[in-house]
Amino acid sequence: MKVLFICNQNQNRSKTAEELFKGRFETRSAGLYNERPLTEKQLAWADIVLVMEDEQRAEIAKRFPKQYLQKRIISIDISDIYHFNQPELVSILERKVEGLFSTPAIR
């Protein structure tokens, strides 16, 4: 499964998630407000898109309305208060992402 993780800058949360789950899924990450923001091609690549906050899902809908309607985009609700690979962030990501993929509808 191809999982795209998205946050604001693609420095901490989504980068950590990309690295953390690369052994289990085919992973990539992107940011919405950085020098190289999310592209339509990146969005098209993904089977599922996990955003860190609801606002990011809304921004994707504005930027890519057609792709947005065709993708499963889920907010995992992780605030932008963590650093790359911070143990607390890793723990939260593991709990939330594992919880998502343990449900039959997402597998």
PDB file of N, CA and C in Angstrom:
ATOM      1  N   MET A   1       0.841  -1.178   0.000  1.00  0.00           N
ATOM      2  CA  MET A   1       0.000   0.000   0.000  1.00  0.00           C
ATOM      3  C   MET A   1       0.888   1.243   0.000  1.00  0.00           C
ATOM      4  N   LYS A   2       0.507   2.210  -0.803  1.00  0.00           N
ATOM      5  CA  LYS A   2       1.246   3.469  -0.900  1.00  0.00           C
ATOM      6  C   LYS A   2       0.601   4.503   0.011  1.00  0.00           C
ATOM      7  N   VAL A   3       1.376   4.935   1.014  1.00  0.00           N
ATOM      8  CA  VAL A   3       0.864   5.879   2.012  1.00  0.00           C
ATOM      9  C   VAL A   3       1.656   7.180   1.919  1.00  0.00           C
ATOM     10  N   LEU A   4       0.930   8.265   1.745  1.00  0.00           N
ATOM     11  CA  LEU A   4       1.533   9.595   1.690  1.00  0.00           C
ATOM     12  C   LEU A   4       1.186  10.331   2.979  1.00  0.00           C
ATOM     13  N   PHE A   5       2.218  10.762   3.700  1.00  0.00           N
ATOM     14  CA  PHE A   5       2.042  11.527   4.930  1.00  0.00           C
ATOM     15  C   PHE A   5       2.258  12.999   4.629  1.00  0.00           C
ATOM     16  N   ILE A   6       1.350  13.840   5.110  1.00  0.00           N
ATOM     17  CA  ILE A   6       1.426  15.274   4.815  1.00  0.00           C
ATOM     18  C   ILE A   6       1.326  16.093   6.095  1.00  0.00           C
ATOM     19  N   CYS A   7       2.213  17.088   6.198  1.00  0.00           N
ATOM     20  CA  CYS A   7       2.111  18.091   7.258  1.00  0.00           C
ATOM     21  C   CYS A   7       2.406  19.453   6.634  1.00  0.00           C
ATOM     22  N   ASN A   8       2.656  20.448   7.440  1.00  0.00           N
ATOM     23  CA  ASN A   8       2.850  21.798   6.912  1.00  0.00           C
ATOM     24  C   ASN A   8       4.169  21.972   6.169  1.00  0.00           C
ATOM     25  N   GLN A   9       5.274  21.617   6.797  1.00  0.00           N
ATOM     26  CA  GLN A   9       6.598  21.882   6.235  1.00  0.00           C
ATOM     27  C   GLN A   9       7.346  20.635   5.748  1.00  0.00           C
ATOM     28  N   ASN A  10       6.849  19.463   6.085  1.00  0.00           N
ATOM     29  CA  ASN A  10       7.523  18.204   5.765  1.00  0.00           C
ATOM     30  C   ASN A  10       8.909  18.142   6.396  1.00  0.00           C
ATOM     31  N   GLN A  11       8.979  18.547   7.652  1.00  0.00           N
ATOM     32  CA  GLN A  11      10.249  18.496   8.374  1.00  0.00           C
ATOM     33  C   GLN A  11      10.195  17.561   9.568  1.00  0.00           C
ATOM     34  N   ASN A  12       9.098  17.539  10.279  1.00  0.00           N
ATOM     35  CA  ASN A  12       9.033  16.786  11.530  1.00  0.00           C
ATOM     36  C   ASN A  12       8.020  15.652  11.494  1.00  0.00           C
ATOM     37  N   ARG A  13       6.750  15.980  11.507  1.00  0.00           N
ATOM     38  CA  ARG A  13       5.717  14.949  11.633  1.00  0.00           C
ATOM     39  C   ARG A  13       5.669  14.009  10.434  1.00  0.00           C
ATOM     40  N   SER A  14       5.503  14.549   9.239  1.00  0.00           N
ATOM     41  CA  SER A  14       5.375  13.665   8.069  1.00  0.00           C
ATOM     42  C   SER A  14       6.684  12.954   7.740  1.00  0.00           C
ATOM     43  N   LYS A  15       7.806  13.610   7.945  1.00  0.00           N
ATOM     44  CA  LYS A  15       9.113  12.963   7.722  1.00  0.00           C
ATOM     45  C   LYS A  15       9.319  11.808   8.695  1.00  0.00           C
ATOM     46  N   THR A  16       8.958  12.023   9.951  1.00  0.00           N
ATOM     47  CA  THR A  16       9.068  10.962  10.947  1.00  0.00           C
ATOM     48  C   THR A  16       8.178   9.791  10.549  1.00  0.00           C
ATOM     49  N   ALA A  17       6.954  10.071  10.153  1.00  0.00           N
ATOM     50  CA  ALA A  17       6.020   9.008   9.759  1.00  0.00           C
ATOM     51  C   ALA A  17       6.527   8.247   8.540  1.00  0.00           C
ATOM     52  N   GLU A  18       7.055   8.972   7.562  1.00  0.00           N
ATOM     53  CA  GLU A  18       7.595   8.320   6.358  1.00  0.00           C
ATOM     54  C   GLU A  18       8.675   7.315   6.736  1.00  0.00           C
ATOM     55  N   GLU A  19       9.593   7.726   7.569  1.00  0.00           N
ATOM     56  CA  GLU A  19      10.691   6.848   7.998  1.00  0.00           C
ATOM     57  C   GLU A  19      10.191   5.704   8.873  1.00  0.00           C
ATOM     58  N   LEU A  20       9.288   5.999   9.772  1.00  0.00           N
ATOM     59  CA  LEU A  20       8.801   5.021  10.736  1.00  0.00           C
ATOM     60  C   LEU A  20       8.067   3.854  10.072  1.00  0.00           C
ATOM     61  N   PHE A  21       7.297   4.142   9.031  1.00  0.00           N
ATOM     62  CA  PHE A  21       6.452   3.111   8.426  1.00  0.00           C
ATOM     63  C   PHE A  21       6.966   2.592   7.079  1.00  0.00           C
ATOM     64  N   LYS A  22       8.165   2.988   6.679  1.00  0.00           N
ATOM     65  CA  LYS A  22       8.659   2.571   5.361  1.00  0.00           C
ATOM     66  C   LYS A  22       8.881   1.061   5.257  1.00  0.00           C
ATOM     67  N   GLY A  23       9.038   0.363   6.355  1.00  0.00           N
ATOM     68  CA  GLY A  23       9.174  -1.084   6.300  1.00  0.00           C
ATOM     69  C   GLY A  23       7.851  -1.809   6.148  1.00  0.00           C
ATOM     70  N   ARG A  24       6.780  -1.140   6.520  1.00  0.00           N
ATOM     71  CA  ARG A  24       5.457  -1.755   6.457  1.00  0.00           C
ATOM     72  C   ARG A  24       4.677  -1.368   5.210  1.00  0.00           C
ATOM     73  N   PHE A  25       4.863  -0.140   4.737  1.00  0.00           N
ATOM     74  CA  PHE A  25       4.168   0.385   3.565  1.00  0.00           C
ATOM     75  C   PHE A  25       5.193   0.999   2.624  1.00  0.00           C
ATOM     76  N   GLU A  26       4.739   1.299   1.434  1.00  0.00           N
ATOM     77  CA  GLU A  26       5.528   2.132   0.533  1.00  0.00           C
ATOM     78  C   GLU A  26       5.169   3.562   0.937  1.00  0.00           C
ATOM     79  N   THR A  27       6.119   4.316   1.466  1.00  0.00           N
ATOM     80  CA  THR A  27       5.801   5.616   2.050  1.00  0.00           C
ATOM     81  C   THR A  27       6.516   6.774   1.360  1.00  0.00           C
ATOM     82  N   ARG A  28       5.855   7.898   1.404  1.00  0.00           N
ATOM     83  CA  ARG A  28       6.424   9.182   0.991  1.00  0.00           C
ATOM     84  C   ARG A  28       5.836  10.243   1.902  1.00  0.00           C
ATOM     85  N   SER A  29       6.442  11.419   1.877  1.00  0.00           N
ATOM     86  CA  SER A  29       5.909  12.521   2.669  1.00  0.00           C
ATOM     87  C   SER A  29       6.007  13.812   1.871  1.00  0.00           C
ATOM     88  N   ALA A  30       5.176  14.765   2.267  1.00  0.00           N
ATOM     89  CA  ALA A  30       5.156  16.056   1.586  1.00  0.00           C
ATOM     90  C   ALA A  30       4.670  17.119   2.562  1.00  0.00           C
ATOM     91  N   GLY A  31       4.975  18.358   2.216  1.00  0.00           N
ATOM     92  CA  GLY A  31       4.493  19.499   2.980  1.00  0.00           C
ATOM     93  C   GLY A  31       3.598  20.359   2.113  1.00  0.00           C
ATOM     94  N   LEU A  32       2.800  21.166   2.752  1.00  0.00           N
ATOM     95  CA  LEU A  32       1.911  22.064   2.012  1.00  0.00           C
ATOM     96  C   LEU A  32       2.462  23.476   1.891  1.00  0.00           C
ATOM     97  N   TYR A  33       3.316  23.871   2.824  1.00  0.00           N
ATOM     98  CA  TYR A  33       3.758  25.270   2.881  1.00  0.00           C
ATOM     99  C   TYR A  33       5.275  25.393   2.891  1.00  0.00           C
ATOM    100  N   ASN A  34       5.953  24.558   2.152  1.00  0.00           N
ATOM    101  CA  ASN A  34       7.414  24.609   2.104  1.00  0.00           C
ATOM    102  C   ASN A  34       7.881  25.024   0.710  1.00  0.00           C
ATOM    103  N   GLU A  35       9.171  24.940   0.469  1.00  0.00           N
ATOM    104  CA  GLU A  35       9.725  25.361  -0.821  1.00  0.00           C
ATOM    105  C   GLU A  35       9.260  24.485  -1.979  1.00  0.00           C
ATOM    106  N   ARG A  36       9.002  23.222  -1.687  1.00  0.00           N
ATOM    107  CA  ARG A  36       8.517  22.291  -2.711  1.00  0.00           C
ATOM    108  C   ARG A  36       7.211  21.660  -2.224  1.00  0.00           C
ATOM    109  N   PRO A  37       6.098  22.400  -2.328  1.00  0.00           N
ATOM    110  CA  PRO A  37       4.834  21.909  -1.773  1.00  0.00           C
ATOM    111  C   PRO A  37       4.266  20.702  -2.532  1.00  0.00           C
ATOM    112  N   LEU A  38       3.341  20.046  -1.887  1.00  0.00           N
ATOM    113  CA  LEU A  38       2.656  18.890  -2.443  1.00  0.00           C
ATOM    114  C   LEU A  38       2.231  19.142  -3.882  1.00  0.00           C
ATOM    115  N   THR A  39       2.447  18.129  -4.727  1.00  0.00           N
ATOM    116  CA  THR A  39       2.064  18.232  -6.135  1.00  0.00           C
ATOM    117  C   THR A  39       0.918  17.268  -6.439  1.00  0.00           C
ATOM    118  N   GLU A  40       0.270  17.506  -7.540  1.00  0.00           N
ATOM    119  CA  GLU A  40      -0.805  16.620  -7.991  1.00  0.00           C
ATOM    120  C   GLU A  40      -0.257  15.219  -8.260  1.00  0.00           C
ATOM    121  N   LYS A  41       0.951  15.148  -8.777  1.00  0.00           N
ATOM    122  CA  LYS A  41       1.581  13.855  -9.055  1.00  0.00           C
ATOM    123  C   LYS A  41       1.801  13.054  -7.761  1.00  0.00           C
ATOM    124  N   GLN A  42       2.259  13.713  -6.720  1.00  0.00           N
ATOM    125  CA  GLN A  42       2.457  13.031  -5.432  1.00  0.00           C
ATOM    126  C   GLN A  42       1.123  12.509  -4.897  1.00  0.00           C
ATOM    127  N   LEU A  43       0.113  13.320  -5.000  1.00  0.00           N
ATOM    128  CA  LEU A  43      -1.209  12.931  -4.524  1.00  0.00           C
ATOM    129  C   LEU A  43      -1.739  11.747  -5.333  1.00  0.00           C
ATOM    130  N   ALA A  44      -1.547  11.774  -6.632  1.00  0.00           N
ATOM    131  CA  ALA A  44      -2.010  10.687  -7.499  1.00  0.00           C
ATOM    132  C   ALA A  44      -1.314   9.372  -7.157  1.00  0.00           C
ATOM    133  N   TRP A  45      -0.077   9.431  -6.738  1.00  0.00           N
ATOM    134  CA  TRP A  45       0.715   8.231  -6.414  1.00  0.00           C
ATOM    135  C   TRP A  45       0.105   7.438  -5.255  1.00  0.00           C
ATOM    136  N   ALA A  46      -0.462   8.112  -4.299  1.00  0.00           N
ATOM    137  CA  ALA A  46      -0.869   7.495  -3.031  1.00  0.00           C
ATOM    138  C   ALA A  46      -2.172   6.704  -3.114  1.00  0.00           C
ATOM    139  N   ASP A  47      -2.200   5.588  -2.379  1.00  0.00           N
ATOM    140  CA  ASP A  47      -3.443   4.849  -2.170  1.00  0.00           C
ATOM    141  C   ASP A  47      -4.243   5.481  -1.042  1.00  0.00           C
ATOM    142  N   ILE A  48      -3.532   5.983  -0.053  1.00  0.00           N
ATOM    143  CA  ILE A  48      -4.158   6.643   1.089  1.00  0.00           C
ATOM    144  C   ILE A  48      -3.269   7.810   1.513  1.00  0.00           C
ATOM    145  N   VAL A  49      -3.900   8.885   1.945  1.00  0.00           N
ATOM    146  CA  VAL A  49      -3.181  10.082   2.366  1.00  0.00           C
ATOM    147  C   VAL A  49      -3.518  10.333   3.836  1.00  0.00           C
ATOM    148  N   LEU A  50      -2.474  10.453   4.644  1.00  0.00           N
ATOM    149  CA  LEU A  50      -2.666  10.759   6.062  1.00  0.00           C
ATOM    150  C   LEU A  50      -2.128  12.153   6.326  1.00  0.00           C
ATOM    151  N   VAL A  51      -3.018  13.054   6.717  1.00  0.00           N
ATOM    152  CA  VAL A  51      -2.625  14.414   7.075  1.00  0.00           C
ATOM    153  C   VAL A  51      -2.559  14.501   8.590  1.00  0.00           C
ATOM    154  N   MET A  52      -1.747  15.405   9.071  1.00  0.00           N
ATOM    155  CA  MET A  52      -1.569  15.535  10.511  1.00  0.00           C
ATOM    156  C   MET A  52      -2.671  16.349  11.174  1.00  0.00           C
ATOM    157  N   GLU A  53      -3.329  17.236  10.405  1.00  0.00           N
ATOM    158  CA  GLU A  53      -4.375  18.099  10.965  1.00  0.00           C
ATOM    159  C   GLU A  53      -5.499  18.278   9.944  1.00  0.00           C
ATOM    160  N   ASP A  54      -6.709  18.521  10.427  1.00  0.00           N
ATOM    161  CA  ASP A  54      -7.864  18.712   9.546  1.00  0.00           C
ATOM    162  C   ASP A  54      -7.664  19.853   8.553  1.00  0.00           C
ATOM    163  N   GLU A  55      -6.973  20.909   8.978  1.00  0.00           N
ATOM    164  CA  GLU A  55      -6.753  22.055   8.088  1.00  0.00           C
ATOM    165  C   GLU A  55      -5.986  21.648   6.835  1.00  0.00           C
ATOM    166  N   GLN A  56      -5.119  20.664   6.959  1.00  0.00           N
ATOM    167  CA  GLN A  56      -4.344  20.205   5.805  1.00  0.00           C
ATOM    168  C   GLN A  56      -5.245  19.486   4.806  1.00  0.00           C
ATOM    169  N   ARG A  57      -6.207  18.746   5.313  1.00  0.00           N
ATOM    170  CA  ARG A  57      -7.172  18.085   4.417  1.00  0.00           C
ATOM    171  C   ARG A  57      -7.964  19.142   3.650  1.00  0.00           C
ATOM    172  N   ALA A  58      -8.382  20.192   4.327  1.00  0.00           N
ATOM    173  CA  ALA A  58      -9.130  21.271   3.677  1.00  0.00           C
ATOM    174  C   ALA A  58      -8.278  21.970   2.611  1.00  0.00           C
ATOM    175  N   GLU A  59      -7.002  22.161   2.902  1.00  0.00           N
ATOM    176  CA  GLU A  59      -6.102  22.806   1.939  1.00  0.00           C
ATOM    177  C   GLU A  59      -5.917  21.940   0.698  1.00  0.00           C
ATOM    178  N   ILE A  60      -5.824  20.635   0.878  1.00  0.00           N
ATOM    179  CA  ILE A  60      -5.709  19.721  -0.269  1.00  0.00           C
ATOM    180  C   ILE A  60      -6.970  19.809  -1.123  1.00  0.00           C
ATOM    181  N   ALA A  61      -8.125  19.887  -0.483  1.00  0.00           N
ATOM    182  CA  ALA A  61      -9.389  20.013  -1.218  1.00  0.00           C
ATOM    183  C   ALA A  61      -9.411  21.279  -2.064  1.00  0.00           C
ATOM    184  N   LYS A  62      -8.864  22.369  -1.526  1.00  0.00           N
ATOM    185  CA  LYS A  62      -8.813  23.636  -2.277  1.00  0.00           C
ATOM    186  C   LYS A  62      -7.849  23.557  -3.450  1.00  0.00           C
ATOM    187  N   ARG A  63      -6.673  22.989  -3.218  1.00  0.00           N
ATOM    188  CA  ARG A  63      -5.633  22.954  -4.257  1.00  0.00           C
ATOM    189  C   ARG A  63      -5.884  21.910  -5.335  1.00  0.00           C
ATOM    190  N   PHE A  64      -6.451  20.776  -4.934  1.00  0.00           N
ATOM    191  CA  PHE A  64      -6.602  19.640  -5.847  1.00  0.00           C
ATOM    192  C   PHE A  64      -8.006  19.042  -5.725  1.00  0.00           C
ATOM    193  N   PRO A  65      -9.047  19.784  -6.123  1.00  0.00           N
ATOM    194  CA  PRO A  65     -10.421  19.312  -5.891  1.00  0.00           C
ATOM    195  C   PRO A  65     -10.746  17.972  -6.543  1.00  0.00           C
ATOM    196  N   LYS A  66     -10.272  17.726  -7.752  1.00  0.00           N
ATOM    197  CA  LYS A  66     -10.576  16.454  -8.431  1.00  0.00           C
ATOM    198  C   LYS A  66      -9.898  15.283  -7.722  1.00  0.00           C
ATOM    199  N   GLN A  67      -8.621  15.437  -7.418  1.00  0.00           N
ATOM    200  CA  GLN A  67      -7.880  14.383  -6.712  1.00  0.00           C
ATOM    201  C   GLN A  67      -8.472  14.148  -5.325  1.00  0.00           C
ATOM    202  N   TYR A  68      -8.858  15.215  -4.672  1.00  0.00           N
ATOM    203  CA  TYR A  68      -9.409  15.119  -3.317  1.00  0.00           C
ATOM    204  C   TYR A  68     -10.619  14.187  -3.275  1.00  0.00           C
ATOM    205  N   LEU A  69     -11.463  14.300  -4.263  1.00  0.00           N
ATOM    206  CA  LEU A  69     -12.670  13.473  -4.305  1.00  0.00           C
ATOM    207  C   LEU A  69     -12.367  12.005  -4.598  1.00  0.00           C
ATOM    208  N   GLN A  70     -11.215  11.738  -5.170  1.00  0.00           N
ATOM    209  CA  GLN A  70     -10.856  10.369  -5.550  1.00  0.00           C
ATOM    210  C   GLN A  70      -9.990   9.668  -4.512  1.00  0.00           C
ATOM    211  N   LYS A  71      -9.546  10.372  -3.515  1.00  0.00           N
ATOM    212  CA  LYS A  71      -8.599   9.825  -2.536  1.00  0.00           C
ATOM    213  C   LYS A  71      -9.217   9.650  -1.168  1.00  0.00           C
ATOM    214  N   ARG A  72      -8.703   8.679  -0.460  1.00  0.00           N
ATOM    215  CA  ARG A  72      -9.047   8.536   0.951  1.00  0.00           C
ATOM    216  C   ARG A  72      -8.019   9.373   1.707  1.00  0.00           C
ATOM    217  N   ILE A  73      -8.474  10.462   2.310  1.00  0.00           N
ATOM    218  CA  ILE A  73      -7.610  11.384   3.041  1.00  0.00           C
ATOM    219  C   ILE A  73      -8.103  11.426   4.480  1.00  0.00           C
ATOM    220  N   ILE A  74      -7.229  11.030   5.391  1.00  0.00           N
ATOM    221  CA  ILE A  74      -7.607  10.898   6.793  1.00  0.00           C
ATOM    222  C   ILE A  74      -6.706  11.773   7.662  1.00  0.00           C
ATOM    223  N   SER A  75      -7.327  12.516   8.553  1.00  0.00           N
ATOM    224  CA  SER A  75      -6.562  13.316   9.514  1.00  0.00           C
ATOM    225  C   SER A  75      -6.274  12.457  10.737  1.00  0.00           C
ATOM    226  N   ILE A  76      -5.006  12.431  11.149  1.00  0.00           N
ATOM    227  CA  ILE A  76      -4.648  11.659  12.339  1.00  0.00           C
ATOM    228  C   ILE A  76      -4.450  12.569  13.557  1.00  0.00           C
ATOM    229  N   ASP A  77      -4.713  13.846  13.396  1.00  0.00           N
ATOM    230  CA  ASP A  77      -4.815  14.803  14.501  1.00  0.00           C
ATOM    231  C   ASP A  77      -3.580  14.822  15.409  1.00  0.00           C
ATOM    232  N   ILE A  78      -2.464  15.247  14.828  1.00  0.00           N
ATOM    233  CA  ILE A  78      -1.224  15.398  15.594  1.00  0.00           C
ATOM    234  C   ILE A  78      -0.750  16.841  15.444  1.00  0.00           C
ATOM    235  N   SER A  79      -0.715  17.557  16.541  1.00  0.00           N
ATOM    236  CA  SER A  79      -0.326  18.973  16.535  1.00  0.00           C
ATOM    237  C   SER A  79       1.136  19.162  16.133  1.00  0.00           C
ATOM    238  N   ASP A  80       1.417  20.357  15.657  1.00  0.00           N
ATOM    239  CA  ASP A  80       2.767  20.699  15.196  1.00  0.00           C
ATOM    240  C   ASP A  80       3.624  21.184  16.367  1.00  0.00           C
ATOM    241  N   ILE A  81       3.880  20.286  17.309  1.00  0.00           N
ATOM    242  CA  ILE A  81       4.663  20.646  18.496  1.00  0.00           C
ATOM    243  C   ILE A  81       5.852  19.719  18.706  1.00  0.00           C
ATOM    244  N   TYR A  82       6.108  18.839  17.738  1.00  0.00           N
ATOM    245  CA  TYR A  82       7.140  17.822  17.901  1.00  0.00           C
ATOM    246  C   TYR A  82       8.309  18.053  16.952  1.00  0.00           C
ATOM    247  N   HIS A  83       9.428  17.450  17.297  1.00  0.00           N
ATOM    248  CA  HIS A  83      10.624  17.486  16.461  1.00  0.00           C
ATOM    249  C   HIS A  83      10.763  16.168  15.717  1.00  0.00           C
ATOM    250  N   PHE A  84      11.589  16.147  14.688  1.00  0.00           N
ATOM    251  CA  PHE A  84      11.823  14.938  13.902  1.00  0.00           C
ATOM    252  C   PHE A  84      12.281  13.791  14.806  1.00  0.00           C
ATOM    253  N   ASN A  85      11.609  12.662  14.684  1.00  0.00           N
ATOM    254  CA  ASN A  85      11.915  11.433  15.430  1.00  0.00           C
ATOM    255  C   ASN A  85      11.845  11.584  16.952  1.00  0.00           C
ATOM    256  N   GLN A  86      11.174  12.593  17.442  1.00  0.00           N
ATOM    257  CA  GLN A  86      10.991  12.750  18.886  1.00  0.00           C
ATOM    258  C   GLN A  86      10.245  11.521  19.410  1.00  0.00           C
ATOM    259  N   PRO A  87      10.720  10.911  20.496  1.00  0.00           N
ATOM    260  CA  PRO A  87      10.096   9.686  21.000  1.00  0.00           C
ATOM    261  C   PRO A  87       8.583   9.794  21.218  1.00  0.00           C
ATOM    262  N   GLU A  88       8.110  10.921  21.721  1.00  0.00           N
ATOM    263  CA  GLU A  88       6.674  11.096  21.930  1.00  0.00           C
ATOM    264  C   GLU A  88       5.921  11.078  20.599  1.00  0.00           C
ATOM    265  N   LEU A  89       6.503  11.708  19.583  1.00  0.00           N
ATOM    266  CA  LEU A  89       5.889  11.720  18.259  1.00  0.00           C
ATOM    267  C   LEU A  89       5.851  10.309  17.679  1.00  0.00           C
ATOM    268  N   VAL A  90       6.933   9.582  17.804  1.00  0.00           N
ATOM    269  CA  VAL A  90       6.992   8.208  17.305  1.00  0.00           C
ATOM    270  C   VAL A  90       5.905   7.366  17.963  1.00  0.00           C
ATOM    271  N   SER A  91       5.763   7.499  19.262  1.00  0.00           N
ATOM    272  CA  SER A  91       4.761   6.742  20.008  1.00  0.00           C
ATOM    273  C   SER A  91       3.341   7.072  19.544  1.00  0.00           C
ATOM    274  N   ILE A  92       3.057   8.346  19.371  1.00  0.00           N
ATOM    275  CA  ILE A  92       1.730   8.774  18.919  1.00  0.00           C
ATOM    276  C   ILE A  92       1.459   8.269  17.507  1.00  0.00           C
ATOM    277  N   LEU A  93       2.428   8.401  16.634  1.00  0.00           N
ATOM    278  CA  LEU A  93       2.265   7.921  15.256  1.00  0.00           C
ATOM    279  C   LEU A  93       2.001   6.421  15.232  1.00  0.00           C
ATOM    280  N   GLU A  94       2.779   5.676  15.983  1.00  0.00           N
ATOM    281  CA  GLU A  94       2.589   4.220  16.007  1.00  0.00           C
ATOM    282  C   GLU A  94       1.176   3.872  16.457  1.00  0.00           C
ATOM    283  N   ARG A  95       0.728   4.497  17.524  1.00  0.00           N
ATOM    284  CA  ARG A  95      -0.602   4.206  18.060  1.00  0.00           C
ATOM    285  C   ARG A  95      -1.707   4.579  17.065  1.00  0.00           C
ATOM    286  N   LYS A  96      -1.622   5.769  16.500  1.00  0.00           N
ATOM    287  CA  LYS A  96      -2.689   6.235  15.607  1.00  0.00           C
ATOM    288  C   LYS A  96      -2.700   5.507  14.268  1.00  0.00           C
ATOM    289  N   VAL A  97      -1.536   5.326  13.682  1.00  0.00           N
ATOM    290  CA  VAL A  97      -1.483   4.672  12.370  1.00  0.00           C
ATOM    291  C   VAL A  97      -1.787   3.182  12.495  1.00  0.00           C
ATOM    292  N   GLU A  98      -1.245   2.543  13.496  1.00  0.00           N
ATOM    293  CA  GLU A  98      -1.563   1.126  13.710  1.00  0.00           C
ATOM    294  C   GLU A  98      -3.057   0.956  13.939  1.00  0.00           C
ATOM    295  N   GLY A  99      -3.664   1.858  14.696  1.00  0.00           N
ATOM    296  CA  GLY A  99      -5.099   1.798  14.945  1.00  0.00           C
ATOM    297  C   GLY A  99      -5.915   1.922  13.665  1.00  0.00           C
ATOM    298  N   LEU A 100      -5.493   2.798  12.787  1.00  0.00           N
ATOM    299  CA  LEU A 100      -6.181   2.976  11.504  1.00  0.00           C
ATOM    300  C   LEU A 100      -6.117   1.719  10.651  1.00  0.00           C
ATOM    301  N   PHE A 101      -4.934   1.157  10.544  1.00  0.00           N
ATOM    302  CA  PHE A 101      -4.747   0.035   9.638  1.00  0.00           C
ATOM    303  C   PHE A 101      -5.151  -1.307  10.248  1.00  0.00           C
ATOM    304  N   SER A 102      -5.588  -1.286  11.480  1.00  0.00           N
ATOM    305  CA  SER A 102      -6.098  -2.517  12.067  1.00  0.00           C
ATOM    306  C   SER A 102      -7.599  -2.649  11.816  1.00  0.00           C
ATOM    307  N   THR A 103      -8.236  -1.591  11.289  1.00  0.00           N
ATOM    308  CA  THR A 103      -9.652  -1.661  10.973  1.00  0.00           C
ATOM    309  C   THR A 103      -9.835  -2.255   9.576  1.00  0.00           C
ATOM    310  N   PRO A 104     -10.814  -3.125   9.396  1.00  0.00           N
ATOM    311  CA  PRO A 104     -11.012  -3.812   8.115  1.00  0.00           C
ATOM    312  C   PRO A 104     -11.226  -2.877   6.920  1.00  0.00           C
ATOM    313  N   ALA A 105     -11.841  -1.723   7.123  1.00  0.00           N
ATOM    314  CA  ALA A 105     -12.122  -0.817   6.016  1.00  0.00           C
ATOM    315  C   ALA A 105     -10.863  -0.224   5.397  1.00  0.00           C
ATOM    316  N   ILE A 106      -9.761  -0.182   6.119  1.00  0.00           N
ATOM    317  CA  ILE A 106      -8.544   0.477   5.625  1.00  0.00           C
ATOM    318  C   ILE A 106      -7.528  -0.538   5.101  1.00  0.00           C
ATOM    319  N   ARG A 107      -7.560  -1.732   5.560  1.00  0.00           N
ATOM    320  CA  ARG A 107      -6.547  -2.713   5.138  1.00  0.00           C
ATOM    321  C   ARG A 107      -6.561  -2.995   3.678  1.00  0.00           C
TER     322      ARG A 107
END
